[in-house]
């Protein structure tokens, strides 16, 4: 039995179908994920879908339409139900999670939703956010991330590049300095915060110097986990019409970023070796620390879906090795 499950709010099950070429006119979220089962470690609650931005490499808006949010009250009700059925951790997800609320009355921010969940669901042990856009982190959300112990100290950030010219050509809304500043501010407020990031290797027009900026930004931001994507043109996107980087160069840059990611992950894991810590037990002799560091359980595994105390004795290239106490 897996320790994770996805949850969709089912209030829109009767939403009428529309033609694909009319997706931009859809104003409602669609229910397409299955409900959860009792006793699992974490549940993913989709609170938003679609995207109102137009990054030059991305086709998501044309497949899923503009951003649509689920009302806060419905999200809270779903979280309450999941916590009541035994879920220890709730993960809020969305295609563009930090745009949650922009289409709702009074345009609430994601920070408002998170604060409401934490207030109205006091039995929720741990709340985690999926991939977020750094430039859209509002101050109430920043304060919660920095100071609320029930929010997991782990942020996965949609950076895509660490070079300002490439970011402009991607039509991203943050700069290199914005990314570095955010990570430094969060880490100063919460030293245990871990960061993941999405990065694209070999975006059109990327020079060696531009790639070097991206590579250096991994260290400057203190990224612990990397999701690396070799650039691949999507039909009808503006980036597909730009001068392309040779495929062998794209692959080589992606490989170099993955090497850097492995190096950074090793540093993160090294920090934990020798510690005695709580971790959320998953299935298959696996567990996760609150900062999302993976633990391979050596010996008998405690009950899945609950936190347990571990002594972390060593690590591999990708996992901590822990003994349950």
Protein backbone atom coordinates (compact mmCIF):
# COMPACT_ATOMS: atom_id res chain seq x y z
CA UNK A 1 0.00 0.00 0.00
CA UNK A 2 1.42 3.36 -0.94
CA UNK A 3 1.81 6.01 1.73
CA UNK A 4 0.59 8.86 -0.45
CA UNK A 5 -2.66 9.70 -2.15
CA UNK A 6 -4.01 12.50 -4.28
CA UNK A 7 -7.24 14.28 -3.37
CA UNK A 8 -9.49 16.36 -5.58
CA UNK A 9 -12.38 18.42 -4.40
CA UNK A 10 -15.48 16.81 -5.86
CA UNK A 11 -17.78 19.83 -5.87
CA UNK A 12 -17.41 20.26 -9.61
CA UNK A 13 -18.03 16.70 -10.76
CA UNK A 14 -20.94 17.87 -12.87
CA UNK A 15 -19.02 20.61 -14.65
CA UNK A 16 -20.03 20.46 -18.33
CA UNK A 17 -17.43 19.43 -20.86
CA UNK A 18 -15.98 22.03 -23.20
CA UNK A 19 -14.02 21.82 -26.42
CA UNK A 20 -10.24 21.89 -26.05
CA UNK A 21 -10.04 25.08 -28.10
CA UNK A 22 -12.38 26.72 -25.58
CA UNK A 23 -10.24 25.91 -22.53
CA UNK A 24 -9.47 29.58 -21.87
CA UNK A 25 -13.16 30.18 -21.16
CA UNK A 26 -13.36 27.59 -18.37
CA UNK A 27 -13.80 29.29 -15.00
CA UNK A 28 -14.06 26.25 -12.73
CA UNK A 29 -11.66 23.69 -11.37
CA UNK A 30 -12.20 20.12 -12.50
CA UNK A 31 -12.28 17.05 -10.26
CA UNK A 32 -10.09 14.31 -11.70
CA UNK A 33 -8.07 12.92 -8.80
CA UNK A 34 -9.19 10.02 -6.62
CA UNK A 35 -10.16 10.27 -2.96
CA UNK A 36 -7.86 9.05 -0.21
CA UNK A 37 -7.89 6.06 2.11
CA UNK A 38 -7.59 5.99 5.90
CA UNK A 39 -4.22 5.81 7.59
CA UNK A 40 -1.88 6.89 4.80
CA UNK A 41 1.10 9.17 5.41
CA UNK A 42 0.16 12.15 3.29
CA UNK A 43 -2.57 13.38 0.99
CA UNK A 44 -2.24 15.83 -1.90
CA UNK A 45 -5.07 18.36 -2.07
CA UNK A 46 -5.40 20.20 -5.36
CA UNK A 47 -6.54 23.76 -4.67
CA UNK A 48 -5.82 25.34 -8.05
CA UNK A 49 -5.43 24.38 -11.70
CA UNK A 50 -4.50 26.12 -14.92
CA UNK A 51 -2.09 29.03 -15.33
CA UNK A 52 -2.56 32.66 -16.29
CA UNK A 53 1.08 33.25 -17.18
CA UNK A 54 2.66 32.76 -20.58
CA UNK A 55 6.18 31.44 -20.16
CA UNK A 56 7.63 31.09 -23.63
CA UNK A 57 8.53 27.39 -23.25
CA UNK A 58 5.25 26.19 -21.73
CA UNK A 59 2.04 24.77 -23.21
CA UNK A 60 0.18 24.29 -19.91
CA UNK A 61 -2.16 27.29 -20.32
CA UNK A 62 -3.30 25.95 -23.69
CA UNK A 63 -4.07 22.52 -22.26
CA UNK A 64 -5.48 23.51 -18.87
CA UNK A 65 -6.67 27.07 -19.34
CA UNK A 66 -6.24 30.08 -17.10
CA UNK A 67 -5.81 29.81 -13.35
CA UNK A 68 -8.87 28.66 -11.40
CA UNK A 69 -9.01 28.35 -7.62
CA UNK A 70 -11.05 26.29 -5.18
CA UNK A 71 -12.76 28.36 -2.48
CA UNK A 72 -11.00 28.41 0.89
CA UNK A 73 -13.97 26.97 2.77
CA UNK A 74 -14.08 23.91 0.54
CA UNK A 75 -10.34 23.37 0.91
CA UNK A 76 -10.59 23.59 4.70
CA UNK A 77 -13.48 21.11 4.74
CA UNK A 78 -11.46 18.63 2.69
CA UNK A 79 -8.40 19.00 4.90
CA UNK A 80 -10.54 18.46 8.01
CA UNK A 81 -11.94 15.27 6.55
CA UNK A 82 -8.51 13.93 5.63
CA UNK A 83 -7.03 14.72 9.03
CA UNK A 84 -10.01 13.04 10.69
CA UNK A 85 -9.35 9.87 8.68
CA UNK A 86 -5.74 9.66 9.81
CA UNK A 87 -3.57 11.61 7.36
CA UNK A 88 -0.54 13.07 9.11
CA UNK A 89 0.61 15.40 6.34
CA UNK A 90 -1.36 17.45 3.81
CA UNK A 91 0.31 18.78 0.67
CA UNK A 92 -1.37 21.67 -1.14
CA UNK A 93 -0.88 21.37 -4.89
CA UNK A 94 -1.70 23.32 -8.03
CA UNK A 95 -0.37 23.97 -11.50
CA UNK A 96 0.50 27.52 -10.36
CA UNK A 97 -0.10 27.23 -6.63
CA UNK A 98 0.93 30.74 -5.64
CA UNK A 99 -1.70 32.22 -7.97
CA UNK A 100 -4.41 30.68 -5.76
CA UNK A 101 -7.15 33.18 -5.03
CA UNK A 102 -6.56 35.61 -7.91
CA UNK A 103 -9.88 34.61 -9.49
CA UNK A 104 -11.88 34.51 -6.23
CA UNK A 105 -13.89 37.36 -4.66
CA UNK A 106 -11.59 39.89 -2.92
CA UNK A 107 -8.58 38.08 -4.43
CA UNK A 108 -7.20 36.37 -1.31
CA UNK A 109 -3.59 35.21 -1.36
CA UNK A 110 -2.13 31.78 -0.74
CA UNK A 111 -0.91 33.02 2.64
CA UNK A 112 -4.54 33.65 3.62
CA UNK A 113 -5.49 30.09 2.69
CA UNK A 114 -2.57 28.57 4.59
CA UNK A 115 -3.31 30.64 7.70
CA UNK A 116 -6.97 29.62 7.56
CA UNK A 117 -6.13 25.93 7.29
CA UNK A 118 -3.73 26.10 10.23
CA UNK A 119 -6.27 27.97 12.37
CA UNK A 120 -9.34 25.88 11.54
CA UNK A 121 -7.66 22.47 11.47
CA UNK A 122 -5.67 22.43 14.72
CA UNK A 123 -5.20 18.65 14.55
CA UNK A 124 -3.24 18.90 11.30
CA UNK A 125 0.30 17.90 12.18
CA UNK A 126 2.18 18.96 9.05
CA UNK A 127 1.35 21.08 6.01
CA UNK A 128 3.55 21.11 2.94
CA UNK A 129 3.38 23.22 -0.21
CA UNK A 130 4.16 21.83 -3.66
CA UNK A 131 6.16 23.75 -6.27
CA UNK A 132 5.69 27.50 -5.93
CA UNK A 133 6.65 30.62 -7.86
CA UNK A 134 9.14 32.62 -5.82
CA UNK A 135 7.98 36.02 -7.06
CA UNK A 136 4.42 35.38 -5.86
CA UNK A 137 5.23 34.56 -2.23
CA UNK A 138 3.26 37.24 -0.36
CA UNK A 139 4.48 38.57 2.99
CA UNK A 140 1.86 36.72 5.11
CA UNK A 141 2.93 33.49 3.42
CA UNK A 142 6.61 34.32 3.93
CA UNK A 143 5.99 34.92 7.64
CA UNK A 144 4.24 31.56 7.95
CA UNK A 145 7.01 29.75 6.08
CA UNK A 146 9.59 31.40 8.29
CA UNK A 147 7.94 30.91 11.68
CA UNK A 148 5.12 28.32 11.63
CA UNK A 149 6.45 24.94 12.87
CA UNK A 150 3.54 22.99 11.36
CA UNK A 151 4.64 24.03 7.86
CA UNK A 152 7.33 21.65 6.62
CA UNK A 153 10.73 23.35 6.22
CA UNK A 154 10.96 22.50 2.54
CA UNK A 155 10.26 24.71 -0.46
CA UNK A 156 10.30 23.55 -4.06
CA UNK A 157 10.78 26.63 -6.23
CA UNK A 158 10.07 27.12 -9.91
CA UNK A 159 13.27 28.95 -10.88
CA UNK A 160 13.96 27.50 -14.39
CA UNK A 161 17.19 29.48 -14.85
CA UNK A 162 19.79 31.44 -12.93
CA UNK A 163 20.62 33.88 -15.72
CA UNK A 164 18.74 37.16 -16.07
CA UNK A 165 18.71 37.27 -19.87
CA UNK A 166 17.40 33.72 -20.14
CA UNK A 167 14.76 34.48 -17.49
CA UNK A 168 13.59 37.42 -19.61
CA UNK A 169 13.46 35.29 -22.74
CA UNK A 170 11.46 32.71 -20.80
CA UNK A 171 9.10 35.52 -19.69
CA UNK A 172 9.67 34.59 -16.08
CA UNK A 173 8.79 37.36 -13.65
CA UNK A 174 11.67 37.02 -11.19
CA UNK A 175 15.34 37.89 -11.53
CA UNK A 176 18.41 36.00 -10.43
CA UNK A 177 18.73 38.39 -7.48
CA UNK A 178 15.11 37.76 -6.49
CA UNK A 179 15.78 34.03 -6.24
CA UNK A 180 18.95 34.42 -4.20
CA UNK A 181 17.33 36.99 -1.90
CA UNK A 182 14.31 34.79 -1.21
CA UNK A 183 16.44 31.79 -0.29
CA UNK A 184 18.74 33.86 1.91
CA UNK A 185 15.81 35.51 3.73
CA UNK A 186 14.04 32.23 4.38
CA UNK A 187 17.19 30.47 5.51
CA UNK A 188 18.09 33.36 7.83
CA UNK A 189 14.66 33.10 9.46
CA UNK A 190 14.54 29.31 9.46
CA UNK A 191 17.97 27.69 9.22
CA UNK A 192 16.55 24.18 8.75
CA UNK A 193 14.76 25.18 5.53
CA UNK A 194 15.60 22.98 2.53
CA UNK A 195 15.15 24.12 -1.05
CA UNK A 196 14.37 22.26 -4.22
CA UNK A 197 14.27 23.89 -7.64
CA UNK A 198 13.30 23.25 -11.24
CA UNK A 199 15.97 24.20 -13.79
CA UNK A 200 15.93 23.98 -17.58
CA UNK A 201 19.23 23.20 -19.31
CA UNK A 202 19.94 24.46 -22.81
CA UNK A 203 17.11 26.94 -23.25
CA UNK A 204 17.29 28.61 -26.69
CA UNK A 205 20.08 31.22 -27.00
CA UNK A 206 21.75 30.02 -23.76
CA UNK A 207 25.50 30.61 -24.01
CA UNK A 208 28.22 28.98 -21.94
CA UNK A 209 28.37 32.11 -19.76
CA UNK A 210 24.61 32.10 -19.23
CA UNK A 211 24.70 28.44 -18.26
CA UNK A 212 27.57 29.18 -15.87
CA UNK A 213 25.32 31.73 -14.14
CA UNK A 214 22.63 29.08 -13.66
CA UNK A 215 25.15 26.57 -12.34
CA UNK A 216 26.55 29.12 -9.89
CA UNK A 217 23.07 30.09 -8.71
CA UNK A 218 22.54 26.57 -7.33
CA UNK A 219 25.27 27.24 -4.76
CA UNK A 220 24.32 30.88 -4.23
CA UNK A 221 20.71 29.94 -3.46
CA UNK A 222 21.77 26.89 -1.45
CA UNK A 223 19.55 24.52 -3.44
CA UNK A 224 19.43 21.03 -1.93
CA UNK A 225 17.35 19.13 -4.51
CA UNK A 226 17.35 19.74 -8.25
CA UNK A 227 14.81 18.74 -10.87
CA UNK A 228 16.69 19.18 -14.15
CA UNK A 229 14.90 19.33 -17.49
CA UNK A 230 16.84 19.30 -20.78
CA UNK A 231 15.09 21.87 -22.94
CA UNK A 232 12.80 20.36 -25.54
CA UNK A 233 10.78 22.62 -27.86
CA UNK A 234 7.00 22.50 -27.57
CA UNK A 235 5.07 23.14 -30.80
CA UNK A 236 3.62 26.61 -31.24
CA UNK A 237 5.48 28.08 -28.25
CA UNK A 238 7.59 31.23 -28.72
CA UNK A 239 10.72 29.46 -27.45
CA UNK A 240 10.44 26.86 -30.21
CA UNK A 241 10.99 29.67 -32.74
CA UNK A 242 14.12 31.00 -31.05
CA UNK A 243 17.66 29.94 -32.05
CA UNK A 244 18.13 26.47 -30.57
CA UNK A 245 21.09 25.10 -28.63
CA UNK A 246 22.66 21.96 -30.13
CA UNK A 247 21.21 18.78 -28.63
CA UNK A 248 24.58 17.44 -27.49
CA UNK A 249 25.21 20.70 -25.65
CA UNK A 250 21.76 20.56 -24.04
CA UNK A 251 22.45 17.02 -22.83
CA UNK A 252 25.89 17.94 -21.52
CA UNK A 253 24.53 20.92 -19.59
CA UNK A 254 21.72 18.83 -18.13
CA UNK A 255 24.26 16.23 -17.02
CA UNK A 256 26.40 18.92 -15.38
CA UNK A 257 23.39 20.29 -13.51
CA UNK A 258 22.50 16.80 -12.32
CA UNK A 259 26.06 16.36 -11.07
CA UNK A 260 25.71 19.62 -9.18
CA UNK A 261 22.36 18.43 -7.82
CA UNK A 262 23.92 15.19 -6.57
CA UNK A 263 26.70 17.18 -4.91
CA UNK A 264 24.20 19.49 -3.18
CA UNK A 265 22.02 16.59 -2.06
CA UNK A 266 25.05 14.89 -0.55
CA UNK A 267 25.82 18.00 1.47
CA UNK A 268 22.25 18.08 2.76
CA UNK A 269 22.31 14.43 3.74
CA UNK A 270 25.68 14.83 5.46
CA UNK A 271 24.11 17.36 7.82
CA UNK A 272 21.76 14.70 9.14
CA UNK A 273 24.13 11.75 9.59
CA UNK A 274 24.56 11.10 13.30
CA UNK A 275 21.30 12.80 14.28
CA UNK A 276 18.32 11.28 16.07
CA UNK A 277 15.22 12.71 14.41
CA UNK A 278 11.53 12.17 13.73
CA UNK A 279 10.56 11.04 10.22
CA UNK A 280 7.23 10.23 8.62
CA UNK A 281 7.14 6.53 7.79
CA UNK A 282 6.03 5.67 4.26
CA UNK A 283 5.70 2.25 2.66
CA UNK A 284 8.45 -0.10 1.56
CA UNK A 285 10.91 0.62 4.38
CA UNK A 286 11.00 4.30 3.49
CA UNK A 287 10.55 7.49 5.51
CA UNK A 288 10.92 11.24 5.02
CA UNK A 289 12.25 13.95 7.29
CA UNK A 290 10.24 17.16 7.50
CA UNK A 291 12.75 18.77 5.11
CA UNK A 292 11.91 15.94 2.67
CA UNK A 293 15.26 14.19 3.03
CA UNK A 294 14.68 10.50 2.17
CA UNK A 295 15.40 7.79 4.72
CA UNK A 296 15.93 4.11 3.97
CA UNK A 297 14.99 2.11 7.04
CA UNK A 298 17.58 -0.49 7.99
CA UNK A 299 15.81 -3.11 10.07
CA UNK A 300 12.19 -3.44 11.17
CA UNK A 301 10.03 -0.56 9.94
CA UNK A 302 7.48 1.16 12.18
CA UNK A 303 3.84 1.50 11.16
CA UNK A 304 3.42 3.38 7.84
CA UNK A 305 1.63 6.69 7.96
CA UNK A 306 2.91 7.73 11.38
CA UNK A 307 6.02 9.60 12.53
CA UNK A 308 8.74 7.61 14.28
CA UNK A 309 12.10 8.31 15.86
CA UNK A 310 15.20 7.29 13.89
CA UNK A 311 18.93 7.29 14.43
CA UNK A 312 20.56 8.26 11.14
CA UNK A 313 23.74 6.23 10.90
CA UNK A 314 25.02 6.79 7.35
CA UNK A 315 24.00 7.73 3.86
CA UNK A 316 24.15 6.57 0.27
CA UNK A 317 24.30 8.91 -2.72
CA UNK A 318 20.55 9.46 -2.50
CA UNK A 319 19.28 8.35 0.93
CA UNK A 320 19.92 8.53 4.62
CA UNK A 321 20.16 5.17 6.38
CA UNK A 322 18.18 5.06 9.60
CA UNK A 323 17.47 2.69 12.47
CA UNK A 324 14.07 2.97 14.12
CA UNK A 325 14.27 3.51 17.89
